[in-house]
Amino acid sequence: MLKNNILRRKKDFSRIYIKGKSFASKYLIIFYNKNNLGYNRTAFLASKKVGKSVKRNKARRHMKEVYLLYKDRLVKGYDIIFIARKNIIDVKFSELVRTTENILRKIKLLSGEEI
């Protein structure tokens, strides 16, 4: 991922939390908002509720990997925040992929073409 494709500034996060929309599943929460840019910016978060640093990093790695599977099929021009829930560690990767795809379809961020 390029550096300009990563959300870093507090005001960007605040804008997404306040003005954006969200959708939650059993394993993760996705916040999203239009950014009026030609590309998507993302952030992957895991709080201490997920576990110690090893588990949090594993959760973030898994969310990033799922995002990379669908990156080319996502609608452009959005800021997206992926937040791990504490039971994300107990789930198989294939289940996380399926759940994320369902969320992205429901919030209409995923185009119709297949992998």
N, C-alpha and C. Protein backbone atom coordinates (compact mmCIF):
# COMPACT_ATOMS: atom_id res chain seq x y z
N MET A 1 0.83 -1.18 0.00
CA MET A 1 0.00 0.00 0.00
C MET A 1 0.88 1.25 0.00
N LEU A 2 0.48 2.22 -0.76
CA LEU A 2 1.21 3.47 -0.80
C LEU A 2 0.90 4.29 0.44
N LYS A 3 1.82 5.16 0.82
CA LYS A 3 1.63 5.94 2.03
C LYS A 3 0.44 6.87 1.97
N ASN A 4 0.11 7.41 0.78
CA ASN A 4 -1.03 8.31 0.71
C ASN A 4 -2.36 7.56 0.74
N ASN A 5 -2.33 6.24 0.71
CA ASN A 5 -3.54 5.44 0.78
C ASN A 5 -3.87 5.01 2.21
N ILE A 6 -3.13 5.54 3.19
CA ILE A 6 -3.34 5.17 4.59
C ILE A 6 -3.85 6.37 5.36
N LEU A 7 -4.89 6.16 6.15
CA LEU A 7 -5.42 7.23 7.00
C LEU A 7 -4.52 7.39 8.21
N ARG A 8 -4.13 8.62 8.53
CA ARG A 8 -3.26 8.85 9.67
C ARG A 8 -3.74 10.00 10.57
N ARG A 9 -4.33 11.03 9.98
CA ARG A 9 -4.62 12.24 10.75
C ARG A 9 -5.90 12.10 11.57
N LYS A 10 -5.86 12.65 12.76
CA LYS A 10 -6.98 12.58 13.69
C LYS A 10 -8.24 13.21 13.10
N LYS A 11 -8.09 14.31 12.36
CA LYS A 11 -9.27 14.97 11.82
C LYS A 11 -9.95 14.11 10.74
N ASP A 12 -9.18 13.30 10.03
CA ASP A 12 -9.78 12.38 9.06
C ASP A 12 -10.60 11.31 9.76
N PHE A 13 -10.04 10.75 10.84
CA PHE A 13 -10.77 9.75 11.60
C PHE A 13 -12.04 10.34 12.19
N SER A 14 -11.94 11.53 12.77
CA SER A 14 -13.10 12.18 13.37
C SER A 14 -14.18 12.42 12.33
N ARG A 15 -13.79 12.88 11.15
CA ARG A 15 -14.76 13.14 10.09
C ARG A 15 -15.49 11.86 9.69
N ILE A 16 -14.76 10.77 9.60
CA ILE A 16 -15.37 9.51 9.21
C ILE A 16 -16.32 9.01 10.31
N TYR A 17 -15.91 9.11 11.56
CA TYR A 17 -16.76 8.66 12.65
C TYR A 17 -18.03 9.50 12.77
N ILE A 18 -17.92 10.82 12.53
CA ILE A 18 -19.07 11.71 12.70
C ILE A 18 -19.97 11.72 11.47
N LYS A 19 -19.40 11.93 10.30
CA LYS A 19 -20.20 12.09 9.08
C LYS A 19 -20.38 10.80 8.30
N GLY A 20 -19.55 9.82 8.54
CA GLY A 20 -19.60 8.60 7.76
C GLY A 20 -20.67 7.63 8.24
N LYS A 21 -20.71 6.50 7.58
CA LYS A 21 -21.65 5.43 7.93
C LYS A 21 -20.85 4.23 8.40
N SER A 22 -21.53 3.32 9.08
CA SER A 22 -20.84 2.13 9.58
C SER A 22 -21.71 0.90 9.39
N PHE A 23 -21.04 -0.23 9.39
CA PHE A 23 -21.73 -1.52 9.34
C PHE A 23 -20.92 -2.49 10.17
N ALA A 24 -21.60 -3.24 11.00
CA ALA A 24 -20.92 -4.16 11.91
C ALA A 24 -21.31 -5.60 11.62
N SER A 25 -20.37 -6.48 11.85
CA SER A 25 -20.63 -7.91 11.77
C SER A 25 -20.12 -8.54 13.07
N LYS A 26 -20.13 -9.84 13.09
CA LYS A 26 -19.68 -10.56 14.28
C LYS A 26 -18.19 -10.36 14.55
N TYR A 27 -17.41 -10.14 13.49
CA TYR A 27 -15.96 -10.11 13.62
C TYR A 27 -15.32 -8.75 13.42
N LEU A 28 -16.00 -7.84 12.70
CA LEU A 28 -15.40 -6.53 12.47
C LEU A 28 -16.45 -5.47 12.22
N ILE A 29 -16.01 -4.23 12.31
CA ILE A 29 -16.84 -3.06 12.05
C ILE A 29 -16.16 -2.28 10.95
N ILE A 30 -16.94 -1.80 10.00
CA ILE A 30 -16.40 -0.99 8.92
C ILE A 30 -17.07 0.37 8.94
N PHE A 31 -16.26 1.43 9.07
CA PHE A 31 -16.72 2.80 8.92
C PHE A 31 -16.27 3.28 7.56
N TYR A 32 -17.11 4.03 6.85
CA TYR A 32 -16.74 4.51 5.53
C TYR A 32 -17.39 5.86 5.26
N ASN A 33 -16.72 6.64 4.42
CA ASN A 33 -17.21 7.96 4.04
C ASN A 33 -16.54 8.35 2.72
N LYS A 34 -17.27 9.07 1.89
CA LYS A 34 -16.70 9.54 0.63
C LYS A 34 -15.58 10.54 0.90
N ASN A 35 -14.49 10.48 0.12
CA ASN A 35 -13.36 11.37 0.36
C ASN A 35 -13.07 12.33 -0.79
N ASN A 36 -13.83 12.25 -1.89
CA ASN A 36 -13.66 13.12 -3.05
C ASN A 36 -12.25 13.06 -3.65
N LEU A 37 -11.59 11.94 -3.50
CA LEU A 37 -10.29 11.68 -4.13
C LEU A 37 -10.48 10.56 -5.14
N GLY A 38 -9.52 10.33 -5.96
CA GLY A 38 -9.62 9.28 -6.96
C GLY A 38 -9.18 7.91 -6.46
N TYR A 39 -8.95 7.78 -5.17
CA TYR A 39 -8.48 6.52 -4.61
C TYR A 39 -9.04 6.35 -3.20
N ASN A 40 -8.93 5.13 -2.70
CA ASN A 40 -9.40 4.83 -1.35
C ASN A 40 -8.26 5.00 -0.35
N ARG A 41 -8.62 5.45 0.85
CA ARG A 41 -7.67 5.49 1.96
C ARG A 41 -8.22 4.57 3.04
N THR A 42 -7.33 3.84 3.70
CA THR A 42 -7.78 2.84 4.67
C THR A 42 -7.03 2.94 5.98
N ALA A 43 -7.62 2.35 7.01
CA ALA A 43 -6.98 2.19 8.31
C ALA A 43 -7.47 0.86 8.88
N PHE A 44 -6.60 0.18 9.61
CA PHE A 44 -6.91 -1.11 10.22
C PHE A 44 -6.62 -1.01 11.71
N LEU A 45 -7.65 -1.15 12.54
CA LEU A 45 -7.51 -0.93 13.97
C LEU A 45 -7.88 -2.18 14.75
N ALA A 46 -7.16 -2.41 15.83
CA ALA A 46 -7.48 -3.48 16.77
C ALA A 46 -7.16 -2.96 18.17
N SER A 47 -8.15 -2.90 19.01
CA SER A 47 -7.95 -2.36 20.36
C SER A 47 -7.36 -3.42 21.27
N LYS A 48 -7.04 -3.01 22.48
CA LYS A 48 -6.48 -3.95 23.45
C LYS A 48 -7.49 -5.00 23.89
N LYS A 49 -8.76 -4.80 23.58
CA LYS A 49 -9.78 -5.82 23.87
C LYS A 49 -9.55 -7.07 23.05
N VAL A 50 -8.91 -6.92 21.89
CA VAL A 50 -8.62 -8.07 21.02
C VAL A 50 -7.59 -8.98 21.68
N GLY A 51 -6.63 -8.40 22.38
CA GLY A 51 -5.61 -9.19 23.05
C GLY A 51 -4.31 -8.42 23.13
N LYS A 52 -3.27 -9.13 23.47
CA LYS A 52 -1.94 -8.52 23.54
C LYS A 52 -1.45 -8.19 22.12
N SER A 53 -0.28 -7.61 22.02
CA SER A 53 0.19 -7.07 20.74
C SER A 53 0.27 -8.13 19.64
N VAL A 54 0.63 -9.34 19.97
CA VAL A 54 0.74 -10.38 18.96
C VAL A 54 -0.62 -10.64 18.32
N LYS A 55 -1.66 -10.73 19.13
CA LYS A 55 -3.01 -10.98 18.61
C LYS A 55 -3.54 -9.77 17.85
N ARG A 56 -3.26 -8.57 18.35
CA ARG A 56 -3.72 -7.36 17.66
C ARG A 56 -3.07 -7.26 16.28
N ASN A 57 -1.77 -7.53 16.22
CA ASN A 57 -1.06 -7.47 14.94
C ASN A 57 -1.56 -8.54 13.97
N LYS A 58 -1.87 -9.71 14.49
CA LYS A 58 -2.42 -10.78 13.66
C LYS A 58 -3.77 -10.36 13.10
N ALA A 59 -4.60 -9.75 13.93
CA ALA A 59 -5.91 -9.29 13.47
C ALA A 59 -5.75 -8.24 12.37
N ARG A 60 -4.84 -7.30 12.56
CA ARG A 60 -4.61 -6.26 11.55
C ARG A 60 -4.07 -6.87 10.25
N ARG A 61 -3.15 -7.82 10.37
CA ARG A 61 -2.61 -8.49 9.17
C ARG A 61 -3.72 -9.20 8.40
N HIS A 62 -4.60 -9.89 9.12
CA HIS A 62 -5.69 -10.60 8.45
C HIS A 62 -6.64 -9.62 7.77
N MET A 63 -6.96 -8.51 8.42
CA MET A 63 -7.86 -7.53 7.80
C MET A 63 -7.21 -6.92 6.56
N LYS A 64 -5.90 -6.64 6.63
CA LYS A 64 -5.19 -6.09 5.47
C LYS A 64 -5.18 -7.09 4.31
N GLU A 65 -4.97 -8.35 4.62
CA GLU A 65 -4.94 -9.38 3.59
C GLU A 65 -6.30 -9.51 2.91
N VAL A 66 -7.37 -9.46 3.69
CA VAL A 66 -8.72 -9.51 3.11
C VAL A 66 -8.95 -8.28 2.23
N TYR A 67 -8.53 -7.12 2.72
CA TYR A 67 -8.68 -5.90 1.93
C TYR A 67 -7.94 -6.02 0.60
N LEU A 68 -6.74 -6.57 0.60
CA LEU A 68 -5.96 -6.70 -0.63
C LEU A 68 -6.64 -7.65 -1.63
N LEU A 69 -7.40 -8.63 -1.13
CA LEU A 69 -8.14 -9.51 -2.03
C LEU A 69 -9.19 -8.75 -2.83
N TYR A 70 -9.81 -7.75 -2.20
CA TYR A 70 -10.92 -7.02 -2.82
C TYR A 70 -10.54 -5.62 -3.27
N LYS A 71 -9.31 -5.22 -3.11
CA LYS A 71 -8.88 -3.85 -3.38
C LYS A 71 -9.24 -3.39 -4.79
N ASP A 72 -9.00 -4.22 -5.79
CA ASP A 72 -9.25 -3.83 -7.17
C ASP A 72 -10.73 -3.77 -7.51
N ARG A 73 -11.57 -4.42 -6.73
CA ARG A 73 -13.00 -4.45 -7.00
C ARG A 73 -13.78 -3.41 -6.21
N LEU A 74 -13.11 -2.66 -5.32
CA LEU A 74 -13.80 -1.66 -4.51
C LEU A 74 -14.08 -0.40 -5.32
N VAL A 75 -15.19 0.24 -5.00
CA VAL A 75 -15.52 1.53 -5.59
C VAL A 75 -14.50 2.54 -5.09
N LYS A 76 -13.98 3.38 -5.98
CA LYS A 76 -12.93 4.35 -5.63
C LYS A 76 -13.53 5.61 -5.00
N GLY A 77 -12.72 6.29 -4.18
CA GLY A 77 -13.12 7.57 -3.61
C GLY A 77 -13.71 7.49 -2.21
N TYR A 78 -13.28 6.51 -1.41
CA TYR A 78 -13.80 6.35 -0.06
C TYR A 78 -12.67 6.25 0.96
N ASP A 79 -12.95 6.72 2.17
CA ASP A 79 -12.11 6.46 3.33
C ASP A 79 -12.77 5.30 4.07
N ILE A 80 -11.99 4.27 4.39
CA ILE A 80 -12.55 3.07 5.01
C ILE A 80 -11.72 2.73 6.24
N ILE A 81 -12.41 2.52 7.36
CA ILE A 81 -11.75 2.09 8.60
C ILE A 81 -12.26 0.70 8.95
N PHE A 82 -11.35 -0.25 9.07
CA PHE A 82 -11.67 -1.61 9.50
C PHE A 82 -11.30 -1.73 10.97
N ILE A 83 -12.25 -2.10 11.82
CA ILE A 83 -11.99 -2.24 13.25
C ILE A 83 -12.29 -3.68 13.65
N ALA A 84 -11.31 -4.32 14.27
CA ALA A 84 -11.45 -5.72 14.68
C ALA A 84 -12.24 -5.81 15.98
N ARG A 85 -13.12 -6.79 16.04
CA ARG A 85 -13.79 -7.12 17.30
C ARG A 85 -12.97 -8.21 17.99
N LYS A 86 -13.23 -8.41 19.28
CA LYS A 86 -12.34 -9.30 20.03
C LYS A 86 -12.42 -10.77 19.61
N ASN A 87 -13.50 -11.21 18.98
CA ASN A 87 -13.59 -12.61 18.57
C ASN A 87 -13.01 -12.86 17.17
N ILE A 88 -12.35 -11.87 16.57
CA ILE A 88 -11.75 -12.04 15.25
C ILE A 88 -10.59 -13.04 15.29
N ILE A 89 -9.97 -13.19 16.43
CA ILE A 89 -8.84 -14.12 16.57
C ILE A 89 -9.30 -15.57 16.47
N ASP A 90 -10.53 -15.86 16.88
CA ASP A 90 -11.03 -17.23 16.91
C ASP A 90 -11.57 -17.72 15.57
N VAL A 91 -11.67 -16.84 14.59
CA VAL A 91 -12.30 -17.19 13.33
C VAL A 91 -11.27 -17.63 12.30
N LYS A 92 -11.68 -18.54 11.42
CA LYS A 92 -10.81 -18.96 10.32
C LYS A 92 -10.74 -17.84 9.29
N PHE A 93 -9.63 -17.79 8.58
CA PHE A 93 -9.42 -16.74 7.59
C PHE A 93 -10.50 -16.76 6.51
N SER A 94 -10.90 -17.95 6.07
CA SER A 94 -11.92 -18.06 5.02
C SER A 94 -13.26 -17.48 5.48
N GLU A 95 -13.59 -17.65 6.74
CA GLU A 95 -14.82 -17.07 7.29
C GLU A 95 -14.72 -15.55 7.32
N LEU A 96 -13.56 -15.03 7.66
CA LEU A 96 -13.36 -13.58 7.68
C LEU A 96 -13.48 -13.00 6.27
N VAL A 97 -12.95 -13.70 5.28
CA VAL A 97 -13.06 -13.26 3.88
C VAL A 97 -14.54 -13.21 3.48
N ARG A 98 -15.27 -14.26 3.79
CA ARG A 98 -16.69 -14.33 3.42
C ARG A 98 -17.49 -13.23 4.09
N THR A 99 -17.25 -13.02 5.38
CA THR A 99 -17.96 -11.99 6.13
C THR A 99 -17.66 -10.60 5.59
N THR A 100 -16.39 -10.33 5.30
CA THR A 100 -16.01 -9.02 4.78
C THR A 100 -16.64 -8.78 3.41
N GLU A 101 -16.65 -9.80 2.57
CA GLU A 101 -17.29 -9.64 1.26
C GLU A 101 -18.77 -9.32 1.40
N ASN A 102 -19.45 -10.00 2.31
CA ASN A 102 -20.87 -9.73 2.54
C ASN A 102 -21.10 -8.29 3.00
N ILE A 103 -20.26 -7.80 3.89
CA ILE A 103 -20.39 -6.43 4.37
C ILE A 103 -20.17 -5.46 3.22
N LEU A 104 -19.11 -5.65 2.45
CA LEU A 104 -18.80 -4.74 1.36
C LEU A 104 -19.91 -4.72 0.31
N ARG A 105 -20.55 -5.86 0.08
CA ARG A 105 -21.68 -5.91 -0.85
C ARG A 105 -22.88 -5.15 -0.28
N LYS A 106 -23.16 -5.33 1.01
CA LYS A 106 -24.32 -4.66 1.63
C LYS A 106 -24.17 -3.15 1.63
N ILE A 107 -22.97 -2.65 1.83
CA ILE A 107 -22.79 -1.20 1.86
C ILE A 107 -22.44 -0.65 0.48
N LYS A 108 -22.51 -1.53 -0.53
CA LYS A 108 -22.35 -1.15 -1.94
C LYS A 108 -20.98 -0.53 -2.24
N LEU A 109 -19.94 -1.04 -1.62
CA LEU A 109 -18.58 -0.62 -1.94
C LEU A 109 -17.88 -1.59 -2.87
N LEU A 110 -18.52 -2.73 -3.13
CA LEU A 110 -17.91 -3.77 -3.95
C LEU A 110 -18.60 -3.80 -5.30
N SER A 111 -17.83 -3.74 -6.37
CA SER A 111 -18.41 -3.83 -7.71
C SER A 111 -18.82 -5.27 -7.97
N GLY A 112 -19.57 -5.48 -9.05
CA GLY A 112 -20.19 -6.77 -9.30
C GLY A 112 -19.30 -7.86 -9.86
N GLU A 113 -18.11 -7.55 -10.35
CA GLU A 113 -17.29 -8.58 -10.98
C GLU A 113 -16.71 -9.56 -9.96
N GLU A 114 -16.54 -10.80 -10.39
CA GLU A 114 -16.05 -11.87 -9.52
C GLU A 114 -14.53 -11.93 -9.52
N ILE A 115 -13.97 -12.59 -8.47
CA ILE A 115 -12.51 -12.77 -8.38
C ILE A 115 -12.08 -13.82 -9.38
